Amino acid sequence: MTETIGWRYLFILVSGLSALALVGGILLYRETYAPVIRRRIMQETRAVGQAPETQTHLPQARENRDNLNYFLTNLQRPFMLLAGSIICFILSSYMAL
């Protein structure tokens, strides 16, 4: 394929498809981080008027934190996954080589 259309056009095609997949993923994927899901459920139960369970292990709400602290918390997530899962660590090491 590279010989017929050239590597530059193939690069543009792959980049465009990657950007399209990124936008689709951002718009369509659901949240999977457990503390965020629990916080949303707790907020929904408060809105309905039910008594939510007290969960002190949840992180603070976004409004109560500054931007730097919020950024650092989200930056820790991938490293916690990498350090906590031996499978992720082995696959990451393999891909780095």
PDB file of N, CA and C in Angstrom:
ATOM      1  N   MET A   1       0.831  -1.186   0.000  1.00  0.00           N
ATOM      2  CA  MET A   1       0.000   0.000   0.000  1.00  0.00           C
ATOM      3  C   MET A   1       0.880   1.257   0.000  1.00  0.00           C
ATOM      4  N   THR A   2       1.976   1.229   0.743  1.00  0.00           N
ATOM      5  CA  THR A   2       2.868   2.384   0.789  1.00  0.00           C
ATOM      6  C   THR A   2       3.513   2.619  -0.563  1.00  0.00           C
ATOM      7  N   GLU A   3       3.792   1.551  -1.300  1.00  0.00           N
ATOM      8  CA  GLU A   3       4.421   1.692  -2.612  1.00  0.00           C
ATOM      9  C   GLU A   3       3.481   2.323  -3.636  1.00  0.00           C
ATOM     10  N   THR A   4       2.188   2.120  -3.474  1.00  0.00           N
ATOM     11  CA  THR A   4       1.248   2.641  -4.470  1.00  0.00           C
ATOM     12  C   THR A   4       0.812   4.075  -4.172  1.00  0.00           C
ATOM     13  N   ILE A   5       0.520   4.416  -2.904  1.00  0.00           N
ATOM     14  CA  ILE A   5       0.034   5.769  -2.619  1.00  0.00           C
ATOM     15  C   ILE A   5       1.078   6.646  -1.937  1.00  0.00           C
ATOM     16  N   GLY A   6       2.146   6.068  -1.460  1.00  0.00           N
ATOM     17  CA  GLY A   6       3.196   6.852  -0.813  1.00  0.00           C
ATOM     18  C   GLY A   6       3.013   6.901   0.701  1.00  0.00           C
ATOM     19  N   TRP A   7       4.122   6.992   1.388  1.00  0.00           N
ATOM     20  CA  TRP A   7       4.069   6.939   2.857  1.00  0.00           C
ATOM     21  C   TRP A   7       3.450   8.186   3.457  1.00  0.00           C
ATOM     22  N   ARG A   8       3.578   9.331   2.801  1.00  0.00           N
ATOM     23  CA  ARG A   8       2.998  10.561   3.358  1.00  0.00           C
ATOM     24  C   ARG A   8       1.474  10.495   3.383  1.00  0.00           C
ATOM     25  N   TYR A   9       0.888  10.018   2.315  1.00  0.00           N
ATOM     26  CA  TYR A   9      -0.566   9.906   2.276  1.00  0.00           C
ATOM     27  C   TYR A   9      -1.075   8.830   3.226  1.00  0.00           C
ATOM     28  N   LEU A  10      -0.313   7.764   3.355  1.00  0.00           N
ATOM     29  CA  LEU A  10      -0.682   6.724   4.304  1.00  0.00           C
ATOM     30  C   LEU A  10      -0.603   7.255   5.735  1.00  0.00           C
ATOM     31  N   PHE A  11       0.406   8.066   6.026  1.00  0.00           N
ATOM     32  CA  PHE A  11       0.532   8.678   7.344  1.00  0.00           C
ATOM     33  C   PHE A  11      -0.657   9.590   7.634  1.00  0.00           C
ATOM     34  N   ILE A  12      -1.067  10.381   6.655  1.00  0.00           N
ATOM     35  CA  ILE A  12      -2.212  11.275   6.824  1.00  0.00           C
ATOM     36  C   ILE A  12      -3.495  10.467   7.042  1.00  0.00           C
ATOM     37  N   LEU A  13      -3.656   9.389   6.299  1.00  0.00           N
ATOM     38  CA  LEU A  13      -4.829   8.536   6.445  1.00  0.00           C
ATOM     39  C   LEU A  13      -4.890   7.908   7.840  1.00  0.00           C
ATOM     40  N   VAL A  14      -3.780   7.351   8.297  1.00  0.00           N
ATOM     41  CA  VAL A  14      -3.749   6.716   9.615  1.00  0.00           C
ATOM     42  C   VAL A  14      -3.941   7.756  10.716  1.00  0.00           C
ATOM     43  N   SER A  15      -3.353   8.935  10.557  1.00  0.00           N
ATOM     44  CA  SER A  15      -3.530   9.994  11.558  1.00  0.00           C
ATOM     45  C   SER A  15      -4.986  10.450  11.637  1.00  0.00           C
ATOM     46  N   GLY A  16      -5.624  10.592  10.490  1.00  0.00           N
ATOM     47  CA  GLY A  16      -7.025  10.992  10.471  1.00  0.00           C
ATOM     48  C   GLY A  16      -7.927   9.951  11.113  1.00  0.00           C
ATOM     49  N   LEU A  17      -7.687   8.672  10.821  1.00  0.00           N
ATOM     50  CA  LEU A  17      -8.486   7.623  11.439  1.00  0.00           C
ATOM     51  C   LEU A  17      -8.245   7.544  12.944  1.00  0.00           C
ATOM     52  N   SER A  18      -7.010   7.778  13.362  1.00  0.00           N
ATOM     53  CA  SER A  18      -6.709   7.784  14.799  1.00  0.00           C
ATOM     54  C   SER A  18      -7.414   8.937  15.503  1.00  0.00           C
ATOM     55  N   ALA A  19      -7.414  10.108  14.885  1.00  0.00           N
ATOM     56  CA  ALA A  19      -8.096  11.260  15.475  1.00  0.00           C
ATOM     57  C   ALA A  19      -9.600  11.010  15.566  1.00  0.00           C
ATOM     58  N   LEU A  20     -10.163  10.394  14.545  1.00  0.00           N
ATOM     59  CA  LEU A  20     -11.587  10.064  14.558  1.00  0.00           C
ATOM     60  C   LEU A  20     -11.909   9.061  15.666  1.00  0.00           C
ATOM     61  N   ALA A  21     -11.052   8.052  15.835  1.00  0.00           N
ATOM     62  CA  ALA A  21     -11.257   7.069  16.902  1.00  0.00           C
ATOM     63  C   ALA A  21     -11.105   7.719  18.272  1.00  0.00           C
ATOM     64  N   LEU A  22     -10.192   8.673  18.408  1.00  0.00           N
ATOM     65  CA  LEU A  22     -10.003   9.373  19.679  1.00  0.00           C
ATOM     66  C   LEU A  22     -11.241  10.180  20.041  1.00  0.00           C
ATOM     67  N   VAL A  23     -11.757  10.930  19.103  1.00  0.00           N
ATOM     68  CA  VAL A  23     -12.953  11.737  19.363  1.00  0.00           C
ATOM     69  C   VAL A  23     -14.142  10.827  19.688  1.00  0.00           C
ATOM     70  N   GLY A  24     -14.299   9.748  18.931  1.00  0.00           N
ATOM     71  CA  GLY A  24     -15.385   8.818  19.213  1.00  0.00           C
ATOM     72  C   GLY A  24     -15.239   8.168  20.575  1.00  0.00           C
ATOM     73  N   GLY A  25     -14.017   7.826  20.954  1.00  0.00           N
ATOM     74  CA  GLY A  25     -13.781   7.229  22.259  1.00  0.00           C
ATOM     75  C   GLY A  25     -14.069   8.181  23.396  1.00  0.00           C
ATOM     76  N   ILE A  26     -13.662   9.420  23.248  1.00  0.00           N
ATOM     77  CA  ILE A  26     -13.907  10.412  24.299  1.00  0.00           C
ATOM     78  C   ILE A  26     -15.409  10.645  24.476  1.00  0.00           C
ATOM     79  N   LEU A  27     -16.129  10.670  23.385  1.00  0.00           N
ATOM     80  CA  LEU A  27     -17.561  10.941  23.468  1.00  0.00           C
ATOM     81  C   LEU A  27     -18.384   9.741  23.915  1.00  0.00           C
ATOM     82  N   LEU A  28     -17.951   8.524  23.577  1.00  0.00           N
ATOM     83  CA  LEU A  28     -18.807   7.368  23.797  1.00  0.00           C
ATOM     84  C   LEU A  28     -18.406   6.475  24.962  1.00  0.00           C
ATOM     85  N   TYR A  29     -17.156   6.522  25.408  1.00  0.00           N
ATOM     86  CA  TYR A  29     -16.746   5.644  26.511  1.00  0.00           C
ATOM     87  C   TYR A  29     -17.312   6.123  27.823  1.00  0.00           C
ATOM     88  N   ARG A  30     -17.635   5.175  28.673  1.00  0.00           N
ATOM     89  CA  ARG A  30     -18.171   5.484  29.994  1.00  0.00           C
ATOM     90  C   ARG A  30     -17.033   5.521  30.997  1.00  0.00           C
ATOM     91  N   GLU A  31     -17.277   6.193  32.106  1.00  0.00           N
ATOM     92  CA  GLU A  31     -16.296   6.268  33.188  1.00  0.00           C
ATOM     93  C   GLU A  31     -16.144   4.896  33.838  1.00  0.00           C
ATOM     94  N   THR A  32     -14.904   4.495  34.129  1.00  0.00           N
ATOM     95  CA  THR A  32     -14.661   3.204  34.755  1.00  0.00           C
ATOM     96  C   THR A  32     -13.921   3.328  36.075  1.00  0.00           C
ATOM     97  N   TYR A  33     -13.561   4.516  36.479  1.00  0.00           N
ATOM     98  CA  TYR A  33     -12.821   4.711  37.727  1.00  0.00           C
ATOM     99  C   TYR A  33     -13.813   4.638  38.883  1.00  0.00           C
ATOM    100  N   ALA A  34     -13.651   3.643  39.738  1.00  0.00           N
ATOM    101  CA  ALA A  34     -14.636   3.312  40.774  1.00  0.00           C
ATOM    102  C   ALA A  34     -14.985   4.473  41.712  1.00  0.00           C
ATOM    103  N   PRO A  35     -14.023   5.239  42.236  1.00  0.00           N
ATOM    104  CA  PRO A  35     -14.418   6.340  43.127  1.00  0.00           C
ATOM    105  C   PRO A  35     -15.295   7.388  42.435  1.00  0.00           C
ATOM    106  N   VAL A  36     -15.053   7.627  41.165  1.00  0.00           N
ATOM    107  CA  VAL A  36     -15.878   8.602  40.434  1.00  0.00           C
ATOM    108  C   VAL A  36     -17.293   8.057  40.265  1.00  0.00           C
ATOM    109  N   ILE A  37     -17.410   6.783  39.951  1.00  0.00           N
ATOM    110  CA  ILE A  37     -18.728   6.176  39.789  1.00  0.00           C
ATOM    111  C   ILE A  37     -19.486   6.201  41.113  1.00  0.00           C
ATOM    112  N   ARG A  38     -18.802   5.870  42.215  1.00  0.00           N
ATOM    113  CA  ARG A  38     -19.464   5.896  43.529  1.00  0.00           C
ATOM    114  C   ARG A  38     -19.914   7.305  43.890  1.00  0.00           C
ATOM    115  N   ARG A  39     -19.094   8.296  43.593  1.00  0.00           N
ATOM    116  CA  ARG A  39     -19.467   9.681  43.906  1.00  0.00           C
ATOM    117  C   ARG A  39     -20.693  10.088  43.105  1.00  0.00           C
ATOM    118  N   ARG A  40     -20.765   9.694  41.831  1.00  0.00           N
ATOM    119  CA  ARG A  40     -21.934  10.022  41.014  1.00  0.00           C
ATOM    120  C   ARG A  40     -23.193   9.353  41.551  1.00  0.00           C
ATOM    121  N   ILE A  41     -23.084   8.099  41.959  1.00  0.00           N
ATOM    122  CA  ILE A  41     -24.239   7.402  42.522  1.00  0.00           C
ATOM    123  C   ILE A  41     -24.694   8.090  43.801  1.00  0.00           C
ATOM    124  N   MET A  42     -23.725   8.506  44.630  1.00  0.00           N
ATOM    125  CA  MET A  42     -24.063   9.183  45.872  1.00  0.00           C
ATOM    126  C   MET A  42     -24.762  10.517  45.587  1.00  0.00           C
ATOM    127  N   GLN A  43     -24.300  11.261  44.566  1.00  0.00           N
ATOM    128  CA  GLN A  43     -24.940  12.528  44.217  1.00  0.00           C
ATOM    129  C   GLN A  43     -26.344  12.306  43.672  1.00  0.00           C
ATOM    130  N   GLU A  44     -26.541  11.243  42.910  1.00  0.00           N
ATOM    131  CA  GLU A  44     -27.876  10.947  42.380  1.00  0.00           C
ATOM    132  C   GLU A  44     -28.853  10.580  43.490  1.00  0.00           C
ATOM    133  N   THR A  45     -28.375   9.824  44.475  1.00  0.00           N
ATOM    134  CA  THR A  45     -29.275   9.462  45.575  1.00  0.00           C
ATOM    135  C   THR A  45     -29.619  10.678  46.423  1.00  0.00           C
ATOM    136  N   ARG A  46     -28.706  11.627  46.537  1.00  0.00           N
ATOM    137  CA  ARG A  46     -29.020  12.866  47.254  1.00  0.00           C
ATOM    138  C   ARG A  46     -30.053  13.685  46.494  1.00  0.00           C
ATOM    139  N   ALA A  47     -29.938  13.704  45.156  1.00  0.00           N
ATOM    140  CA  ALA A  47     -30.873  14.482  44.341  1.00  0.00           C
ATOM    141  C   ALA A  47     -32.283  13.904  44.434  1.00  0.00           C
ATOM    142  N   VAL A  48     -32.394  12.602  44.544  1.00  0.00           N
ATOM    143  CA  VAL A  48     -33.701  11.958  44.641  1.00  0.00           C
ATOM    144  C   VAL A  48     -34.292  12.159  46.026  1.00  0.00           C
ATOM    145  N   GLY A  49     -33.460  12.364  47.017  1.00  0.00           N
ATOM    146  CA  GLY A  49     -33.943  12.570  48.368  1.00  0.00           C
ATOM    147  C   GLY A  49     -33.705  11.389  49.280  1.00  0.00           C
ATOM    148  N   GLN A  50     -33.069  10.355  48.760  1.00  0.00           N
ATOM    149  CA  GLN A  50     -32.761   9.209  49.595  1.00  0.00           C
ATOM    150  C   GLN A  50     -31.546   9.514  50.451  1.00  0.00           C
ATOM    151  N   ALA A  51     -31.416   8.823  51.552  1.00  0.00           N
ATOM    152  CA  ALA A  51     -30.255   9.014  52.422  1.00  0.00           C
ATOM    153  C   ALA A  51     -29.077   8.221  51.865  1.00  0.00           C
ATOM    154  N   PRO A  52     -28.017   8.894  51.414  1.00  0.00           N
ATOM    155  CA  PRO A  52     -26.867   8.166  50.863  1.00  0.00           C
ATOM    156  C   PRO A  52     -26.042   7.540  51.975  1.00  0.00           C
ATOM    157  N   GLU A  53     -25.340   6.489  51.626  1.00  0.00           N
ATOM    158  CA  GLU A  53     -24.442   5.871  52.587  1.00  0.00           C
ATOM    159  C   GLU A  53     -23.244   6.791  52.784  1.00  0.00           C
ATOM    160  N   THR A  54     -22.746   6.852  53.974  1.00  0.00           N
ATOM    161  CA  THR A  54     -21.580   7.680  54.247  1.00  0.00           C
ATOM    162  C   THR A  54     -20.341   6.948  53.766  1.00  0.00           C
ATOM    163  N   GLN A  55     -19.652   7.573  52.823  1.00  0.00           N
ATOM    164  CA  GLN A  55     -18.450   6.969  52.261  1.00  0.00           C
ATOM    165  C   GLN A  55     -17.307   7.972  52.411  1.00  0.00           C
ATOM    166  N   THR A  56     -16.509   7.801  53.439  1.00  0.00           N
ATOM    167  CA  THR A  56     -15.435   8.746  53.710  1.00  0.00           C
ATOM    168  C   THR A  56     -14.205   8.490  52.868  1.00  0.00           C
ATOM    169  N   HIS A  57     -14.132   7.333  52.184  1.00  0.00           N
ATOM    170  CA  HIS A  57     -12.946   7.028  51.400  1.00  0.00           C
ATOM    171  C   HIS A  57     -12.977   7.657  50.008  1.00  0.00           C
ATOM    172  N   LEU A  58     -14.077   8.314  49.659  1.00  0.00           N
ATOM    173  CA  LEU A  58     -14.158   8.938  48.343  1.00  0.00           C
ATOM    174  C   LEU A  58     -13.323  10.198  48.292  1.00  0.00           C
ATOM    175  N   PRO A  59     -12.723  10.476  47.134  1.00  0.00           N
ATOM    176  CA  PRO A  59     -11.995  11.733  47.008  1.00  0.00           C
ATOM    177  C   PRO A  59     -12.939  12.926  47.108  1.00  0.00           C
ATOM    178  N   GLN A  60     -12.392  14.083  47.391  1.00  0.00           N
ATOM    179  CA  GLN A  60     -13.214  15.281  47.503  1.00  0.00           C
ATOM    180  C   GLN A  60     -13.844  15.612  46.164  1.00  0.00           C
ATOM    181  N   ALA A  61     -14.924  16.340  46.218  1.00  0.00           N
ATOM    182  CA  ALA A  61     -15.569  16.785  44.987  1.00  0.00           C
ATOM    183  C   ALA A  61     -14.663  17.770  44.255  1.00  0.00           C
ATOM    184  N   ARG A  62     -14.849  17.896  42.969  1.00  0.00           N
ATOM    185  CA  ARG A  62     -14.002  18.740  42.120  1.00  0.00           C
ATOM    186  C   ARG A  62     -14.033  20.197  42.560  1.00  0.00           C
ATOM    187  N   GLU A  63     -15.146  20.674  43.045  1.00  0.00           N
ATOM    188  CA  GLU A  63     -15.271  22.087  43.400  1.00  0.00           C
ATOM    189  C   GLU A  63     -14.403  22.454  44.603  1.00  0.00           C
ATOM    190  N   ASN A  64     -14.078  21.472  45.447  1.00  0.00           N
ATOM    191  CA  ASN A  64     -13.343  21.761  46.669  1.00  0.00           C
ATOM    192  C   ASN A  64     -11.828  21.659  46.512  1.00  0.00           C
ATOM    193  N   ARG A  65     -11.342  21.377  45.322  1.00  0.00           N
ATOM    194  CA  ARG A  65      -9.902  21.221  45.123  1.00  0.00           C
ATOM    195  C   ARG A  65      -9.392  22.230  44.105  1.00  0.00           C
ATOM    196  N   ASP A  66      -8.125  22.576  44.224  1.00  0.00           N
ATOM    197  CA  ASP A  66      -7.535  23.467  43.237  1.00  0.00           C
ATOM    198  C   ASP A  66      -7.103  22.657  42.011  1.00  0.00           C
ATOM    199  N   ASN A  67      -6.764  23.343  40.946  1.00  0.00           N
ATOM    200  CA  ASN A  67      -6.455  22.684  39.683  1.00  0.00           C
ATOM    201  C   ASN A  67      -5.197  21.832  39.760  1.00  0.00           C
ATOM    202  N   LEU A  68      -4.168  22.288  40.474  1.00  0.00           N
ATOM    203  CA  LEU A  68      -2.929  21.531  40.575  1.00  0.00           C
ATOM    204  C   LEU A  68      -3.158  20.212  41.299  1.00  0.00           C
ATOM    205  N   ASN A  69      -3.896  20.242  42.384  1.00  0.00           N
ATOM    206  CA  ASN A  69      -4.185  19.020  43.124  1.00  0.00           C
ATOM    207  C   ASN A  69      -5.023  18.060  42.279  1.00  0.00           C
ATOM    208  N   TYR A  70      -5.972  18.581  41.537  1.00  0.00           N
ATOM    209  CA  TYR A  70      -6.800  17.770  40.642  1.00  0.00           C
ATOM    210  C   TYR A  70      -5.947  17.122  39.554  1.00  0.00           C
ATOM    211  N   PHE A  71      -5.019  17.894  38.981  1.00  0.00           N
ATOM    212  CA  PHE A  71      -4.121  17.389  37.943  1.00  0.00           C
ATOM    213  C   PHE A  71      -3.222  16.281  38.486  1.00  0.00           C
ATOM    214  N   LEU A  72      -2.657  16.493  39.666  1.00  0.00           N
ATOM    215  CA  LEU A  72      -1.766  15.499  40.254  1.00  0.00           C
ATOM    216  C   LEU A  72      -2.506  14.213  40.614  1.00  0.00           C
ATOM    217  N   THR A  73      -3.736  14.342  41.070  1.00  0.00           N
ATOM    218  CA  THR A  73      -4.534  13.151  41.385  1.00  0.00           C
ATOM    219  C   THR A  73      -4.784  12.330  40.128  1.00  0.00           C
ATOM    220  N   ASN A  74      -5.138  12.979  39.041  1.00  0.00           N
ATOM    221  CA  ASN A  74      -5.389  12.266  37.793  1.00  0.00           C
ATOM    222  C   ASN A  74      -4.113  11.757  37.157  1.00  0.00           C
ATOM    223  N   LEU A  75      -2.993  12.377  37.450  1.00  0.00           N
ATOM    224  CA  LEU A  75      -1.715  11.911  36.929  1.00  0.00           C
ATOM    225  C   LEU A  75      -1.258  10.647  37.653  1.00  0.00           C
ATOM    226  N   GLN A  76      -1.710  10.441  38.876  1.00  0.00           N
ATOM    227  CA  GLN A  76      -1.323   9.262  39.652  1.00  0.00           C
ATOM    228  C   GLN A  76      -2.041   7.999  39.204  1.00  0.00           C
ATOM    229  N   ARG A  77      -3.194   8.121  38.595  1.00  0.00           N
ATOM    230  CA  ARG A  77      -3.985   6.946  38.213  1.00  0.00           C
ATOM    231  C   ARG A  77      -3.216   5.939  37.358  1.00  0.00           C
ATOM    232  N   PRO A  78      -2.593   6.349  36.243  1.00  0.00           N
ATOM    233  CA  PRO A  78      -1.902   5.350  35.414  1.00  0.00           C
ATOM    234  C   PRO A  78      -0.738   4.688  36.144  1.00  0.00           C
ATOM    235  N   PHE A  79      -0.045   5.436  36.973  1.00  0.00           N
ATOM    236  CA  PHE A  79       1.083   4.858  37.695  1.00  0.00           C
ATOM    237  C   PHE A  79       0.606   3.874  38.766  1.00  0.00           C
ATOM    238  N   MET A  80      -0.542   4.148  39.376  1.00  0.00           N
ATOM    239  CA  MET A  80      -1.104   3.209  40.340  1.00  0.00           C
ATOM    240  C   MET A  80      -1.509   1.913  39.629  1.00  0.00           C
ATOM    241  N   LEU A  81      -2.066   2.026  38.439  1.00  0.00           N
ATOM    242  CA  LEU A  81      -2.434   0.847  37.662  1.00  0.00           C
ATOM    243  C   LEU A  81      -1.191   0.080  37.246  1.00  0.00           C
ATOM    244  N   LEU A  82      -0.152   0.790  36.813  1.00  0.00           N
ATOM    245  CA  LEU A  82       1.081   0.146  36.389  1.00  0.00           C
ATOM    246  C   LEU A  82       1.758  -0.577  37.550  1.00  0.00           C
ATOM    247  N   ALA A  83       1.782   0.059  38.711  1.00  0.00           N
ATOM    248  CA  ALA A  83       2.444  -0.535  39.872  1.00  0.00           C
ATOM    249  C   ALA A  83       1.588  -1.615  40.524  1.00  0.00           C
ATOM    250  N   GLY A  84       0.282  -1.537  40.400  1.00  0.00           N
ATOM    251  CA  GLY A  84      -0.599  -2.467  41.082  1.00  0.00           C
ATOM    252  C   GLY A  84      -0.942  -3.710  40.290  1.00  0.00           C
ATOM    253  N   SER A  85      -0.689  -3.695  39.004  1.00  0.00           N
ATOM    254  CA  SER A  85      -1.041  -4.835  38.164  1.00  0.00           C
ATOM    255  C   SER A  85       0.217  -5.374  37.497  1.00  0.00           C
ATOM    256  N   ILE A  86       0.595  -6.593  37.826  1.00  0.00           N
ATOM    257  CA  ILE A  86       1.807  -7.183  37.255  1.00  0.00           C
ATOM    258  C   ILE A  86       1.650  -7.413  35.752  1.00  0.00           C
ATOM    259  N   ILE A  87       0.430  -7.696  35.310  1.00  0.00           N
ATOM    260  CA  ILE A  87       0.190  -7.900  33.880  1.00  0.00           C
ATOM    261  C   ILE A  87       0.446  -6.607  33.109  1.00  0.00           C
ATOM    262  N   CYS A  88      -0.080  -5.488  33.614  1.00  0.00           N
ATOM    263  CA  CYS A  88       0.155  -4.199  32.961  1.00  0.00           C
ATOM    264  C   CYS A  88       1.636  -3.847  32.962  1.00  0.00           C
ATOM    265  N   PHE A  89       2.324  -4.156  34.053  1.00  0.00           N
ATOM    266  CA  PHE A  89       3.756  -3.859  34.138  1.00  0.00           C
ATOM    267  C   PHE A  89       4.544  -4.683  33.119  1.00  0.00           C
ATOM    268  N   ILE A  90       4.239  -5.964  33.007  1.00  0.00           N
ATOM    269  CA  ILE A  90       4.962  -6.827  32.059  1.00  0.00           C
ATOM    270  C   ILE A  90       4.684  -6.398  30.626  1.00  0.00           C
ATOM    271  N   LEU A  91       3.415  -6.132  30.308  1.00  0.00           N
ATOM    272  CA  LEU A  91       3.090  -5.701  28.948  1.00  0.00           C
ATOM    273  C   LEU A  91       3.712  -4.344  28.611  1.00  0.00           C
ATOM    274  N   SER A  92       3.737  -3.425  29.568  1.00  0.00           N
ATOM    275  CA  SER A  92       4.352  -2.118  29.336  1.00  0.00           C
ATOM    276  C   SER A  92       5.856  -2.263  29.130  1.00  0.00           C
ATOM    277  N   SER A  93       6.487  -3.118  29.923  1.00  0.00           N
ATOM    278  CA  SER A  93       7.922  -3.350  29.767  1.00  0.00           C
ATOM    279  C   SER A  93       8.228  -3.982  28.420  1.00  0.00           C
ATOM    280  N   TYR A  94       7.401  -4.938  28.023  1.00  0.00           N
ATOM    281  CA  TYR A  94       7.588  -5.592  26.724  1.00  0.00           C
ATOM    282  C   TYR A  94       7.448  -4.593  25.579  1.00  0.00           C
ATOM    283  N   MET A  95       6.419  -3.739  25.655  1.00  0.00           N
ATOM    284  CA  MET A  95       6.198  -2.769  24.586  1.00  0.00           C
ATOM    285  C   MET A  95       7.289  -1.692  24.549  1.00  0.00           C
ATOM    286  N   ALA A  96       7.898  -1.414  25.703  1.00  0.00           N
ATOM    287  CA  ALA A  96       8.957  -0.410  25.743  1.00  0.00           C
ATOM    288  C   ALA A  96      10.236  -0.910  25.072  1.00  0.00           C
ATOM    289  N   LEU A  97      10.401  -2.209  25.053  1.00  0.00           N
ATOM    290  CA  LEU A  97      11.600  -2.777  24.413  1.00  0.00           C
ATOM    291  C   LEU A  97      11.371  -2.847  22.959  1.00  0.00           C
TER     292      LEU A  97
END
